[in-house]
Amino acid sequence: MTDDAQAENTPQFAIQRIYVKDLSFESPNAPQIFLEEGAPEVQVGLQTEVTALGDETYEVVLTVNVEARLAERTIYLVEVKQAGIFLAREFPEEQLGPLLGIGAPNALLPYVRELISDLTTRGTFAPFILQPVNFEAMYAQRQATDVSSVGPATH
């Protein structure tokens, strides 16, 4: 086997592009909310989505929703869809899922963390720092849910 042929068959994972796909920041109760005091209750939602683009490239979108509330009033809402285009060449099918469901979102997380912190600061609130995420556990949970929703096999 030539060096070129061997290099072609070697698994390759590479970031082609990282970009903001969608972005929203709202502070619906400003300016009155600035006069209220207390510790906000913050809820965070995370979701990943993978789309095959063809030619061994995939778009992975990490969607993060952050809602801060004080009593019954919304302080701010943030939604960010941080996306990336990833090349995943010569990976066996059983490795491709974890690569795109765990590895790619881990690559996107620092970008979305910085963006959310910047947005909350620009809204004149304390910066919200997104904590580390266990994408491996999220992926395993999603796999278990997908398997259990299929139901038992019939012969």
N, C-alpha and C. Protein backbone atom coordinates (compact mmCIF):
# COMPACT_ATOMS: atom_id res chain seq x y z
N MET A 1 0.84 -1.18 0.00
CA MET A 1 0.00 0.00 0.00
C MET A 1 0.89 1.24 0.00
N THR A 2 0.59 2.20 -0.84
CA THR A 2 1.39 3.41 -0.91
C THR A 2 1.06 4.31 0.27
N ASP A 3 1.94 5.27 0.51
CA ASP A 3 1.71 6.22 1.60
C ASP A 3 0.44 7.02 1.37
N ASP A 4 0.16 7.40 0.12
CA ASP A 4 -1.06 8.16 -0.19
C ASP A 4 -2.31 7.34 0.09
N ALA A 5 -2.30 6.08 -0.31
CA ALA A 5 -3.45 5.20 -0.08
C ALA A 5 -3.64 4.96 1.40
N GLN A 6 -2.54 4.79 2.14
CA GLN A 6 -2.64 4.58 3.58
C GLN A 6 -3.18 5.83 4.28
N ALA A 7 -2.73 7.00 3.85
CA ALA A 7 -3.22 8.26 4.42
C ALA A 7 -4.71 8.44 4.14
N GLU A 8 -5.17 8.01 2.95
CA GLU A 8 -6.58 8.12 2.61
C GLU A 8 -7.45 7.26 3.50
N ASN A 9 -6.94 6.12 3.95
CA ASN A 9 -7.70 5.20 4.79
C ASN A 9 -7.56 5.47 6.28
N THR A 10 -6.76 6.46 6.65
CA THR A 10 -6.57 6.82 8.04
C THR A 10 -7.73 7.69 8.49
N PRO A 11 -8.37 7.35 9.63
CA PRO A 11 -9.46 8.20 10.13
C PRO A 11 -8.99 9.63 10.35
N GLN A 12 -9.84 10.57 9.98
CA GLN A 12 -9.51 11.99 10.11
C GLN A 12 -10.72 12.73 10.63
N PHE A 13 -10.54 13.51 11.69
CA PHE A 13 -11.59 14.36 12.25
C PHE A 13 -11.06 15.77 12.28
N ALA A 14 -11.75 16.69 11.63
CA ALA A 14 -11.26 18.07 11.55
C ALA A 14 -12.42 19.05 11.58
N ILE A 15 -12.18 20.18 12.21
CA ILE A 15 -13.14 21.28 12.22
C ILE A 15 -12.97 22.05 10.91
N GLN A 16 -14.03 22.18 10.16
CA GLN A 16 -14.00 22.95 8.92
C GLN A 16 -14.39 24.40 9.16
N ARG A 17 -15.37 24.60 10.06
CA ARG A 17 -15.87 25.95 10.33
C ARG A 17 -16.66 25.92 11.63
N ILE A 18 -16.57 26.98 12.42
CA ILE A 18 -17.39 27.17 13.62
C ILE A 18 -18.06 28.52 13.47
N TYR A 19 -19.39 28.55 13.71
CA TYR A 19 -20.14 29.77 13.47
C TYR A 19 -21.38 29.84 14.35
N VAL A 20 -21.91 31.04 14.52
CA VAL A 20 -23.17 31.26 15.23
C VAL A 20 -24.28 31.11 14.20
N LYS A 21 -25.17 30.15 14.43
CA LYS A 21 -26.28 29.90 13.51
C LYS A 21 -27.50 30.73 13.88
N ASP A 22 -27.73 30.92 15.18
CA ASP A 22 -28.88 31.70 15.65
C ASP A 22 -28.52 32.26 17.01
N LEU A 23 -29.04 33.44 17.30
CA LEU A 23 -28.69 34.13 18.54
C LEU A 23 -29.85 35.01 18.96
N SER A 24 -30.22 34.92 20.26
CA SER A 24 -31.30 35.75 20.77
C SER A 24 -31.01 36.11 22.22
N PHE A 25 -31.18 37.38 22.55
CA PHE A 25 -31.09 37.85 23.93
C PHE A 25 -32.29 38.74 24.19
N GLU A 26 -33.01 38.47 25.27
CA GLU A 26 -34.16 39.29 25.63
C GLU A 26 -34.10 39.62 27.11
N SER A 27 -34.47 40.83 27.43
CA SER A 27 -34.68 41.25 28.81
C SER A 27 -36.04 41.93 28.85
N PRO A 28 -37.12 41.13 28.87
CA PRO A 28 -38.46 41.68 28.68
C PRO A 28 -38.95 42.59 29.79
N ASN A 29 -38.36 42.52 30.98
CA ASN A 29 -38.82 43.35 32.09
C ASN A 29 -37.87 44.49 32.43
N ALA A 30 -36.96 44.80 31.50
CA ALA A 30 -36.08 45.96 31.70
C ALA A 30 -36.89 47.22 31.38
N PRO A 31 -36.68 48.30 32.04
CA PRO A 31 -35.67 48.58 33.07
C PRO A 31 -36.12 48.28 34.50
N GLN A 32 -37.40 47.95 34.70
CA GLN A 32 -37.89 47.74 36.06
C GLN A 32 -37.13 46.63 36.80
N ILE A 33 -36.72 45.60 36.08
CA ILE A 33 -36.04 44.47 36.71
C ILE A 33 -34.71 44.88 37.34
N PHE A 34 -34.12 45.98 36.85
CA PHE A 34 -32.85 46.45 37.41
C PHE A 34 -33.02 46.97 38.84
N LEU A 35 -34.24 47.35 39.21
CA LEU A 35 -34.50 47.90 40.54
C LEU A 35 -34.77 46.81 41.57
N GLU A 36 -35.01 45.59 41.13
CA GLU A 36 -35.33 44.49 42.04
C GLU A 36 -34.05 43.82 42.53
N GLU A 37 -34.13 43.31 43.75
CA GLU A 37 -32.97 42.64 44.33
C GLU A 37 -33.32 41.21 44.67
N GLY A 38 -32.31 40.39 44.71
CA GLY A 38 -32.49 39.00 45.06
C GLY A 38 -31.65 38.11 44.16
N ALA A 39 -31.56 36.87 44.57
CA ALA A 39 -30.77 35.91 43.79
C ALA A 39 -31.67 35.31 42.71
N PRO A 40 -31.24 35.40 41.47
CA PRO A 40 -32.06 34.85 40.39
C PRO A 40 -32.02 33.32 40.36
N GLU A 41 -33.07 32.74 39.85
CA GLU A 41 -33.11 31.31 39.59
C GLU A 41 -32.80 31.15 38.11
N VAL A 42 -31.80 30.33 37.79
CA VAL A 42 -31.36 30.18 36.41
C VAL A 42 -31.59 28.74 35.96
N GLN A 43 -32.20 28.58 34.81
CA GLN A 43 -32.40 27.27 34.21
C GLN A 43 -31.66 27.23 32.88
N VAL A 44 -30.99 26.10 32.64
CA VAL A 44 -30.21 25.92 31.41
C VAL A 44 -30.73 24.68 30.69
N GLY A 45 -30.94 24.82 29.39
CA GLY A 45 -31.31 23.69 28.56
C GLY A 45 -30.28 23.52 27.45
N LEU A 46 -29.94 22.27 27.16
CA LEU A 46 -28.94 21.95 26.13
C LEU A 46 -29.51 20.93 25.17
N GLN A 47 -29.15 21.08 23.92
CA GLN A 47 -29.57 20.11 22.91
C GLN A 47 -28.52 20.10 21.80
N THR A 48 -28.28 18.92 21.24
CA THR A 48 -27.39 18.82 20.09
C THR A 48 -28.14 18.21 18.92
N GLU A 49 -27.73 18.59 17.74
CA GLU A 49 -28.35 18.08 16.52
C GLU A 49 -27.24 17.88 15.49
N VAL A 50 -27.28 16.75 14.80
CA VAL A 50 -26.29 16.43 13.78
C VAL A 50 -27.00 16.26 12.44
N THR A 51 -26.46 16.91 11.42
CA THR A 51 -27.00 16.80 10.07
C THR A 51 -25.87 16.43 9.11
N ALA A 52 -26.08 15.37 8.36
CA ALA A 52 -25.09 14.98 7.35
C ALA A 52 -25.18 15.96 6.19
N LEU A 53 -24.04 16.47 5.77
CA LEU A 53 -23.99 17.41 4.65
C LEU A 53 -23.51 16.72 3.38
N GLY A 54 -23.07 15.49 3.51
CA GLY A 54 -22.51 14.76 2.37
C GLY A 54 -21.01 14.91 2.33
N ASP A 55 -20.39 14.06 1.54
CA ASP A 55 -18.93 14.12 1.35
C ASP A 55 -18.19 14.04 2.69
N GLU A 56 -18.71 13.20 3.61
CA GLU A 56 -18.10 12.96 4.92
C GLU A 56 -18.01 14.21 5.79
N THR A 57 -18.91 15.18 5.57
CA THR A 57 -18.97 16.37 6.41
C THR A 57 -20.33 16.41 7.10
N TYR A 58 -20.31 16.98 8.30
CA TYR A 58 -21.50 17.02 9.14
C TYR A 58 -21.61 18.38 9.80
N GLU A 59 -22.83 18.86 9.92
CA GLU A 59 -23.07 20.06 10.72
C GLU A 59 -23.54 19.59 12.09
N VAL A 60 -22.92 20.10 13.13
CA VAL A 60 -23.33 19.82 14.51
C VAL A 60 -23.75 21.16 15.10
N VAL A 61 -24.97 21.18 15.66
CA VAL A 61 -25.50 22.40 16.28
C VAL A 61 -25.70 22.14 17.76
N LEU A 62 -25.09 22.98 18.58
CA LEU A 62 -25.27 22.94 20.03
C LEU A 62 -26.18 24.11 20.39
N THR A 63 -27.39 23.79 20.85
CA THR A 63 -28.36 24.82 21.24
C THR A 63 -28.37 24.93 22.74
N VAL A 64 -28.18 26.15 23.25
CA VAL A 64 -28.19 26.40 24.68
C VAL A 64 -29.23 27.48 24.96
N ASN A 65 -30.14 27.18 25.88
CA ASN A 65 -31.15 28.13 26.34
C ASN A 65 -30.88 28.44 27.81
N VAL A 66 -30.83 29.71 28.15
CA VAL A 66 -30.63 30.13 29.53
C VAL A 66 -31.76 31.09 29.89
N GLU A 67 -32.45 30.79 31.00
CA GLU A 67 -33.51 31.67 31.47
C GLU A 67 -33.23 32.02 32.92
N ALA A 68 -33.12 33.30 33.21
CA ALA A 68 -32.94 33.79 34.58
C ALA A 68 -34.23 34.46 35.02
N ARG A 69 -34.71 34.05 36.20
CA ARG A 69 -35.96 34.58 36.73
C ARG A 69 -35.75 35.06 38.17
N LEU A 70 -36.50 36.07 38.54
CA LEU A 70 -36.54 36.56 39.90
C LEU A 70 -38.00 36.56 40.30
N ALA A 71 -38.34 35.71 41.24
CA ALA A 71 -39.75 35.47 41.60
C ALA A 71 -40.45 34.97 40.34
N GLU A 72 -41.46 35.65 39.89
CA GLU A 72 -42.19 35.22 38.70
C GLU A 72 -41.82 36.02 37.46
N ARG A 73 -40.83 36.89 37.60
CA ARG A 73 -40.48 37.77 36.48
C ARG A 73 -39.19 37.31 35.80
N THR A 74 -39.21 37.38 34.49
CA THR A 74 -38.04 37.01 33.71
C THR A 74 -37.02 38.14 33.74
N ILE A 75 -35.80 37.79 34.11
CA ILE A 75 -34.70 38.77 34.08
C ILE A 75 -34.14 38.82 32.66
N TYR A 76 -33.74 37.64 32.15
CA TYR A 76 -33.28 37.58 30.76
C TYR A 76 -33.47 36.17 30.21
N LEU A 77 -33.52 36.11 28.90
CA LEU A 77 -33.59 34.86 28.14
C LEU A 77 -32.48 34.90 27.10
N VAL A 78 -31.73 33.82 27.00
CA VAL A 78 -30.68 33.72 25.99
C VAL A 78 -30.88 32.41 25.24
N GLU A 79 -30.82 32.48 23.92
CA GLU A 79 -30.79 31.26 23.12
C GLU A 79 -29.66 31.41 22.11
N VAL A 80 -28.77 30.43 22.11
CA VAL A 80 -27.65 30.43 21.18
C VAL A 80 -27.62 29.09 20.47
N LYS A 81 -27.50 29.13 19.16
CA LYS A 81 -27.24 27.92 18.37
C LYS A 81 -25.85 28.08 17.79
N GLN A 82 -24.90 27.45 18.47
CA GLN A 82 -23.50 27.46 18.04
C GLN A 82 -23.30 26.23 17.16
N ALA A 83 -22.80 26.44 15.96
CA ALA A 83 -22.70 25.34 15.02
C ALA A 83 -21.27 25.18 14.51
N GLY A 84 -21.04 24.01 13.97
CA GLY A 84 -19.75 23.73 13.36
C GLY A 84 -19.93 22.74 12.23
N ILE A 85 -19.05 22.84 11.27
CA ILE A 85 -18.99 21.85 10.19
C ILE A 85 -17.73 21.04 10.44
N PHE A 86 -17.93 19.72 10.51
CA PHE A 86 -16.85 18.81 10.87
C PHE A 86 -16.66 17.78 9.76
N LEU A 87 -15.40 17.51 9.47
CA LEU A 87 -15.03 16.43 8.56
C LEU A 87 -14.78 15.19 9.40
N ALA A 88 -15.43 14.10 9.06
CA ALA A 88 -15.23 12.82 9.76
C ALA A 88 -15.03 11.76 8.68
N ARG A 89 -13.77 11.53 8.35
CA ARG A 89 -13.44 10.64 7.23
C ARG A 89 -12.89 9.31 7.75
N GLU A 90 -13.38 8.23 7.14
CA GLU A 90 -12.87 6.87 7.38
C GLU A 90 -13.08 6.37 8.81
N PHE A 91 -14.17 6.80 9.46
CA PHE A 91 -14.50 6.28 10.78
C PHE A 91 -15.53 5.18 10.64
N PRO A 92 -15.38 4.09 11.38
CA PRO A 92 -16.43 3.07 11.38
C PRO A 92 -17.72 3.65 11.95
N GLU A 93 -18.85 3.13 11.51
CA GLU A 93 -20.16 3.64 11.92
C GLU A 93 -20.31 3.71 13.44
N GLU A 94 -19.80 2.72 14.16
CA GLU A 94 -19.96 2.69 15.62
C GLU A 94 -19.13 3.79 16.31
N GLN A 95 -18.14 4.35 15.63
CA GLN A 95 -17.35 5.45 16.20
C GLN A 95 -17.86 6.82 15.77
N LEU A 96 -18.59 6.86 14.67
CA LEU A 96 -19.06 8.14 14.13
C LEU A 96 -20.06 8.82 15.06
N GLY A 97 -21.00 8.06 15.61
CA GLY A 97 -22.00 8.63 16.52
C GLY A 97 -21.37 9.32 17.72
N PRO A 98 -20.51 8.63 18.48
CA PRO A 98 -19.87 9.29 19.61
C PRO A 98 -18.98 10.47 19.20
N LEU A 99 -18.34 10.37 18.07
CA LEU A 99 -17.48 11.45 17.61
C LEU A 99 -18.29 12.73 17.39
N LEU A 100 -19.44 12.58 16.74
CA LEU A 100 -20.28 13.74 16.44
C LEU A 100 -21.18 14.13 17.61
N GLY A 101 -21.51 13.17 18.48
CA GLY A 101 -22.39 13.45 19.61
C GLY A 101 -21.68 13.86 20.88
N ILE A 102 -20.38 13.59 20.94
CA ILE A 102 -19.60 13.94 22.13
C ILE A 102 -18.44 14.87 21.77
N GLY A 103 -17.60 14.45 20.81
CA GLY A 103 -16.41 15.23 20.45
C GLY A 103 -16.73 16.59 19.86
N ALA A 104 -17.66 16.62 18.90
CA ALA A 104 -18.00 17.89 18.25
C ALA A 104 -18.63 18.89 19.22
N PRO A 105 -19.64 18.49 20.04
CA PRO A 105 -20.19 19.46 21.00
C PRO A 105 -19.14 19.96 22.00
N ASN A 106 -18.18 19.10 22.38
CA ASN A 106 -17.11 19.55 23.26
C ASN A 106 -16.26 20.63 22.59
N ALA A 107 -16.09 20.54 21.28
CA ALA A 107 -15.34 21.57 20.55
C ALA A 107 -16.12 22.88 20.48
N LEU A 108 -17.46 22.80 20.45
CA LEU A 108 -18.30 23.99 20.34
C LEU A 108 -18.53 24.69 21.68
N LEU A 109 -18.44 23.95 22.78
CA LEU A 109 -18.78 24.49 24.10
C LEU A 109 -18.02 25.76 24.47
N PRO A 110 -16.71 25.86 24.30
CA PRO A 110 -16.03 27.11 24.70
C PRO A 110 -16.55 28.34 23.95
N TYR A 111 -16.95 28.16 22.70
CA TYR A 111 -17.46 29.29 21.91
C TYR A 111 -18.81 29.76 22.45
N VAL A 112 -19.70 28.82 22.75
CA VAL A 112 -21.02 29.19 23.24
C VAL A 112 -20.92 29.74 24.67
N ARG A 113 -19.99 29.22 25.47
CA ARG A 113 -19.79 29.74 26.83
C ARG A 113 -19.38 31.20 26.79
N GLU A 114 -18.44 31.53 25.92
CA GLU A 114 -17.97 32.91 25.81
C GLU A 114 -19.08 33.83 25.30
N LEU A 115 -19.84 33.37 24.34
CA LEU A 115 -20.91 34.17 23.77
C LEU A 115 -21.99 34.48 24.80
N ILE A 116 -22.41 33.49 25.58
CA ILE A 116 -23.44 33.70 26.59
C ILE A 116 -22.94 34.65 27.68
N SER A 117 -21.71 34.48 28.10
CA SER A 117 -21.13 35.38 29.10
C SER A 117 -21.11 36.82 28.59
N ASP A 118 -20.72 36.99 27.33
CA ASP A 118 -20.68 38.33 26.73
C ASP A 118 -22.08 38.93 26.62
N LEU A 119 -23.05 38.14 26.20
CA LEU A 119 -24.42 38.64 26.05
C LEU A 119 -25.01 39.10 27.38
N THR A 120 -24.83 38.30 28.42
CA THR A 120 -25.40 38.70 29.72
C THR A 120 -24.69 39.94 30.26
N THR A 121 -23.40 40.05 30.03
CA THR A 121 -22.67 41.24 30.45
C THR A 121 -23.16 42.47 29.70
N ARG A 122 -23.37 42.33 28.40
CA ARG A 122 -23.86 43.47 27.61
C ARG A 122 -25.27 43.88 28.01
N GLY A 123 -26.02 42.96 28.60
CA GLY A 123 -27.34 43.29 29.13
C GLY A 123 -27.26 43.94 30.50
N THR A 124 -26.05 44.19 30.97
CA THR A 124 -25.67 44.78 32.26
C THR A 124 -26.00 43.86 33.44
N PHE A 125 -26.03 42.56 33.20
CA PHE A 125 -26.19 41.58 34.26
C PHE A 125 -24.84 40.95 34.55
N ALA A 126 -24.77 40.23 35.66
CA ALA A 126 -23.54 39.50 35.95
C ALA A 126 -23.30 38.48 34.84
N PRO A 127 -22.05 38.28 34.45
CA PRO A 127 -21.81 37.31 33.38
C PRO A 127 -22.27 35.91 33.81
N PHE A 128 -22.97 35.24 32.92
CA PHE A 128 -23.37 33.86 33.18
C PHE A 128 -22.32 32.95 32.57
N ILE A 129 -21.70 32.14 33.41
CA ILE A 129 -20.65 31.23 32.96
C ILE A 129 -21.25 29.82 32.87
N LEU A 130 -21.38 29.33 31.66
CA LEU A 130 -21.89 27.98 31.44
C LEU A 130 -20.89 26.98 32.00
N GLN A 131 -21.36 26.10 32.85
CA GLN A 131 -20.50 25.11 33.49
C GLN A 131 -20.13 24.01 32.50
N PRO A 132 -19.08 23.23 32.81
CA PRO A 132 -18.73 22.11 31.93
C PRO A 132 -19.92 21.17 31.76
N VAL A 133 -20.00 20.56 30.59
CA VAL A 133 -21.10 19.68 30.25
C VAL A 133 -20.55 18.29 29.98
N ASN A 134 -21.23 17.28 30.50
CA ASN A 134 -20.85 15.90 30.27
C ASN A 134 -21.60 15.40 29.04
N PHE A 135 -21.04 15.67 27.87
CA PHE A 135 -21.69 15.26 26.63
C PHE A 135 -21.71 13.74 26.48
N GLU A 136 -20.78 13.06 27.12
CA GLU A 136 -20.77 11.61 27.07
C GLU A 136 -22.03 11.05 27.74
N ALA A 137 -22.39 11.59 28.90
CA ALA A 137 -23.61 11.15 29.60
C ALA A 137 -24.85 11.52 28.80
N MET A 138 -24.86 12.72 28.21
CA MET A 138 -26.01 13.12 27.39
C MET A 138 -26.18 12.18 26.20
N TYR A 139 -25.08 11.83 25.57
CA TYR A 139 -25.12 10.94 24.41
C TYR A 139 -25.62 9.56 24.83
N ALA A 140 -25.11 9.05 25.94
CA ALA A 140 -25.53 7.72 26.43
C ALA A 140 -27.02 7.73 26.77
N GLN A 141 -27.49 8.80 27.38
CA GLN A 141 -28.91 8.90 27.73
C GLN A 141 -29.77 8.93 26.47
N ARG A 142 -29.33 9.68 25.47
CA ARG A 142 -30.08 9.76 24.22
C ARG A 142 -30.11 8.41 23.52
N GLN A 143 -28.98 7.70 23.55
CA GLN A 143 -28.93 6.38 22.94
C GLN A 143 -29.88 5.42 23.65
N ALA A 144 -29.91 5.46 24.97
CA ALA A 144 -30.80 4.59 25.75
C ALA A 144 -32.26 4.92 25.46
N THR A 145 -32.58 6.19 25.32
CA THR A 145 -33.94 6.62 25.02
C THR A 145 -34.34 6.18 23.62
N ASP A 146 -33.43 6.33 22.66
CA ASP A 146 -33.72 5.92 21.28
C ASP A 146 -33.97 4.42 21.19
N VAL A 147 -33.19 3.64 21.92
CA VAL A 147 -33.34 2.18 21.89
C VAL A 147 -34.64 1.78 22.56
N SER A 148 -34.97 2.41 23.71
CA SER A 148 -36.18 2.02 24.43
C SER A 148 -37.44 2.49 23.72
N SER A 149 -37.36 3.53 22.91
CA SER A 149 -38.56 4.01 22.22
C SER A 149 -38.87 3.16 20.99
N VAL A 150 -37.91 2.38 20.53
CA VAL A 150 -38.14 1.53 19.36
C VAL A 150 -39.04 0.35 19.74
N GLY A 151 -38.87 -0.14 20.95
CA GLY A 151 -39.68 -1.28 21.40
C GLY A 151 -38.99 -2.58 21.11
N PRO A 152 -39.60 -3.68 21.55
CA PRO A 152 -38.96 -4.97 21.36
C PRO A 152 -38.99 -5.41 19.91
N ALA A 153 -37.97 -6.14 19.55
CA ALA A 153 -37.89 -6.65 18.18
C ALA A 153 -38.90 -7.79 18.00
N THR A 154 -39.49 -7.86 16.84
CA THR A 154 -40.41 -8.95 16.55
C THR A 154 -39.81 -9.81 15.46
N HIS A 155 -40.10 -11.10 15.52
CA HIS A 155 -39.54 -12.03 14.53
C HIS A 155 -40.62 -12.49 13.60
